């Protein structure tokens, strides 16, 4: 008795390899359903992460400005970026720093960056994050001893937009008179 090889087997006996279109569509429908259930629960996590990233960037900026001012003998400033910078609309008032900020050598001591001044840092924060300077000024000057003029109430409130201070992700960056920087939960400095 002679055995036939599989290449000559009955065509009706072949098994398809892979998935059918129906199986793929059912899998995609289940994955889409699971994503719609999971995405809303990620919103608070993403908001906290973006707020934390912005607070970290602001802390780094304040420390950079102090160290550069001490190193250079003063004339360093931090200035908020203007409203509508790169499509951002969260900086309409002087106190609103939501579009980001820049650190520069303020050679003419006017608190405003001009083309002939040296730019030390440019920070653009994540989208839909409000940064509100409680002192209400659009720039902060740093003198040769590291003292910051223009801080006013010495705090920045960082919150997701549009929830603002009502969001549990809201953080406040508090700056003491001795330039110690610390972060607190909520929209106020308690200590």
Protein backbone atom coordinates (compact mmCIF):
# COMPACT_ATOMS: atom_id res chain seq x y z
CA UNK A 1 0.00 0.00 0.00
CA UNK A 2 1.36 3.30 -1.07
CA UNK A 3 0.84 6.44 1.09
CA UNK A 4 -0.04 9.69 -0.55
CA UNK A 5 1.81 12.81 0.47
CA UNK A 6 -0.09 15.69 2.04
CA UNK A 7 0.25 17.76 -1.08
CA UNK A 8 -2.14 15.43 -2.84
CA UNK A 9 -4.64 15.33 0.02
CA UNK A 10 -8.30 16.03 -0.54
CA UNK A 11 -8.85 19.84 -0.91
CA UNK A 12 -11.88 19.66 1.37
CA UNK A 13 -9.69 18.49 4.23
CA UNK A 14 -7.43 21.56 4.40
CA UNK A 15 -7.53 23.73 7.54
CA UNK A 16 -7.18 27.50 7.22
CA UNK A 17 -4.33 29.08 9.12
CA UNK A 18 -4.94 32.37 10.95
CA UNK A 19 -8.08 34.21 11.99
CA UNK A 20 -11.25 34.90 10.13
CA UNK A 21 -12.56 38.41 9.58
CA UNK A 22 -15.38 37.81 12.07
CA UNK A 23 -12.91 36.74 14.79
CA UNK A 24 -10.77 39.84 14.21
CA UNK A 25 -13.81 42.16 14.33
CA UNK A 26 -15.07 40.58 17.57
CA UNK A 27 -11.61 40.97 19.14
CA UNK A 28 -11.42 44.62 18.08
CA UNK A 29 -14.92 45.30 19.43
CA UNK A 30 -14.01 43.82 22.82
CA UNK A 31 -10.74 45.82 22.93
CA UNK A 32 -12.61 49.04 22.06
CA UNK A 33 -15.17 48.38 24.80
CA UNK A 34 -12.44 47.79 27.37
CA UNK A 35 -10.65 51.01 26.31
CA UNK A 36 -13.81 53.11 26.68
CA UNK A 37 -14.21 51.75 30.21
CA UNK A 38 -10.55 52.28 31.16
CA UNK A 39 -9.81 55.73 29.66
CA UNK A 40 -11.94 57.82 32.08
CA UNK A 41 -10.17 56.26 35.06
CA UNK A 42 -6.81 57.41 33.65
CA UNK A 43 -7.81 61.10 33.52
CA UNK A 44 -6.96 61.86 37.20
CA UNK A 45 -3.67 60.01 36.88
CA UNK A 46 -2.72 61.99 33.77
CA UNK A 47 -3.75 65.28 35.41
CA UNK A 48 -1.60 64.56 38.50
CA UNK A 49 1.35 63.62 36.29
CA UNK A 50 1.06 66.81 34.17
CA UNK A 51 0.70 69.00 37.29
CA UNK A 52 3.69 67.29 38.92
CA UNK A 53 5.74 67.78 35.74
CA UNK A 54 4.85 71.49 35.67
CA UNK A 55 5.65 71.98 39.37
CA UNK A 56 9.01 70.28 38.82
CA UNK A 57 9.78 72.51 35.84
CA UNK A 58 8.91 75.64 37.83
CA UNK A 59 11.01 74.52 40.80
CA UNK A 60 13.97 73.87 38.50
CA UNK A 61 13.49 77.28 36.89
CA UNK A 62 13.49 79.13 40.22
CA UNK A 63 16.65 77.33 41.32
CA UNK A 64 18.35 77.97 37.97
CA UNK A 65 17.49 81.68 38.11
CA UNK A 66 18.88 82.00 41.66
CA UNK A 67 22.11 80.19 40.88
CA UNK A 68 22.65 82.11 37.63
CA UNK A 69 21.97 85.43 39.37
CA UNK A 70 24.46 84.64 42.12
CA UNK A 71 27.03 83.47 39.55
CA UNK A 72 26.54 86.51 37.29
CA UNK A 73 26.16 89.15 39.97
CA UNK A 74 22.41 89.66 39.43
CA UNK A 75 20.45 90.85 36.41
CA UNK A 76 18.60 87.58 35.86
CA UNK A 77 14.84 87.52 35.32
CA UNK A 78 12.03 85.02 34.86
CA UNK A 79 9.24 86.17 32.56
CA UNK A 80 5.99 84.42 31.66
CA UNK A 81 5.40 83.64 28.00
CA UNK A 82 2.71 85.71 26.32
CA UNK A 83 -0.80 84.49 25.67
CA UNK A 84 -1.19 82.68 22.31
CA UNK A 85 2.40 81.41 22.41
CA UNK A 86 2.29 78.19 20.35
CA UNK A 87 -1.52 78.24 20.47
CA UNK A 88 -1.71 78.35 24.27
CA UNK A 89 -4.46 80.59 25.68
CA UNK A 90 -3.87 80.14 29.42
CA UNK A 91 -1.86 83.35 29.99
CA UNK A 92 -4.39 86.15 29.44
CA UNK A 93 -3.62 88.05 32.68
CA UNK A 94 -0.26 89.01 34.20
CA UNK A 95 -0.74 86.41 36.94
CA UNK A 96 -1.38 83.58 34.46
CA UNK A 97 1.81 81.68 33.58
CA UNK A 98 0.02 78.74 31.89
CA UNK A 99 1.84 79.08 28.54
CA UNK A 100 5.28 78.70 30.14
CA UNK A 101 8.16 81.03 31.00
CA UNK A 102 11.72 81.97 30.16
CA UNK A 103 14.85 82.77 32.16
CA UNK A 104 17.21 85.34 30.73
CA UNK A 105 20.02 87.74 31.57
CA UNK A 106 18.15 91.01 31.99
CA UNK A 107 20.95 93.40 31.00
CA UNK A 108 18.67 96.44 30.78
CA UNK A 109 16.82 95.53 34.04
CA UNK A 110 13.36 96.07 32.55
CA UNK A 111 11.99 92.56 33.31
CA UNK A 112 11.21 91.95 29.66
CA UNK A 113 13.23 89.77 27.29
CA UNK A 114 14.66 91.49 24.24
CA UNK A 115 16.64 90.13 21.28
CA UNK A 116 20.02 91.37 22.53
CA UNK A 117 19.69 89.58 25.91
CA UNK A 118 20.91 86.06 26.61
CA UNK A 119 18.19 83.43 26.95
CA UNK A 120 19.11 80.87 29.61
CA UNK A 121 16.02 78.66 29.61
CA UNK A 122 12.68 78.40 27.82
CA UNK A 123 9.97 76.25 29.43
CA UNK A 124 6.69 75.25 27.82
CA UNK A 125 4.49 73.22 30.12
CA UNK A 126 2.03 70.46 29.17
CA UNK A 127 -1.26 71.49 27.58
CA UNK A 128 -4.27 72.35 29.75
CA UNK A 129 -2.31 73.18 32.88
CA UNK A 130 -2.99 76.48 34.66
CA UNK A 131 -0.11 78.15 36.48
CA UNK A 132 -1.21 81.14 38.50
CA UNK A 133 1.30 83.43 40.19
CA UNK A 134 -0.32 84.69 43.37
CA UNK A 135 1.84 87.82 43.27
CA UNK A 136 0.16 88.78 40.01
CA UNK A 137 3.31 89.86 38.16
CA UNK A 138 4.46 88.84 34.70
CA UNK A 139 8.16 88.74 35.61
CA UNK A 140 10.45 88.10 38.56
CA UNK A 141 13.85 89.76 38.93
CA UNK A 142 16.64 87.95 40.77
CA UNK A 143 19.43 89.99 42.34
CA UNK A 144 23.06 89.03 42.98
CA UNK A 145 22.21 87.52 46.38
CA UNK A 146 19.52 85.29 44.89
CA UNK A 147 16.66 87.37 46.30
CA UNK A 148 13.60 87.37 44.06
CA UNK A 149 11.78 90.64 43.51
CA UNK A 150 8.26 90.43 42.13
CA UNK A 151 7.21 87.26 43.91
CA UNK A 152 4.54 89.11 45.90
CA UNK A 153 2.67 86.45 47.88
CA UNK A 154 5.44 83.99 47.02
CA UNK A 155 3.43 81.13 45.60
CA UNK A 156 2.35 79.54 42.32
CA UNK A 157 -0.81 77.46 42.06
CA UNK A 158 -0.60 74.72 39.43
CA UNK A 159 -3.87 73.02 38.44
CA UNK A 160 -5.46 71.19 35.53
CA UNK A 161 -7.66 73.27 33.22
CA UNK A 162 -10.67 73.72 33.37
CA UNK A 163 -11.10 72.15 36.83
CA UNK A 164 -8.68 74.61 38.45
CA UNK A 165 -8.41 74.69 42.23
CA UNK A 166 -11.30 72.20 42.58
CA UNK A 167 -9.17 69.41 41.14
CA UNK A 168 -7.52 66.98 43.58
CA UNK A 169 -4.40 67.23 41.39
CA UNK A 170 -3.90 70.93 42.29
CA UNK A 171 -0.54 71.76 43.88
CA UNK A 172 0.95 74.97 45.23
CA UNK A 173 4.61 75.84 45.00
CA UNK A 174 5.47 77.94 48.06
CA UNK A 175 8.60 80.09 48.27
CA UNK A 176 9.74 81.36 51.66
CA UNK A 177 11.49 84.68 52.24
CA UNK A 178 14.76 82.76 52.46
CA UNK A 179 14.01 81.31 48.99
CA UNK A 180 13.24 77.83 50.33
CA UNK A 181 10.89 76.14 47.86
CA UNK A 182 8.38 73.49 48.87
CA UNK A 183 5.26 71.96 47.37
CA UNK A 184 1.88 71.55 49.07
CA UNK A 185 -1.36 69.86 48.09
CA UNK A 186 -4.28 72.10 47.25
CA UNK A 187 -4.37 75.79 46.33
CA UNK A 188 -2.73 77.43 49.35
CA UNK A 189 0.51 77.52 51.34
CA UNK A 190 -0.11 76.34 54.88
CA UNK A 191 3.31 76.74 56.43
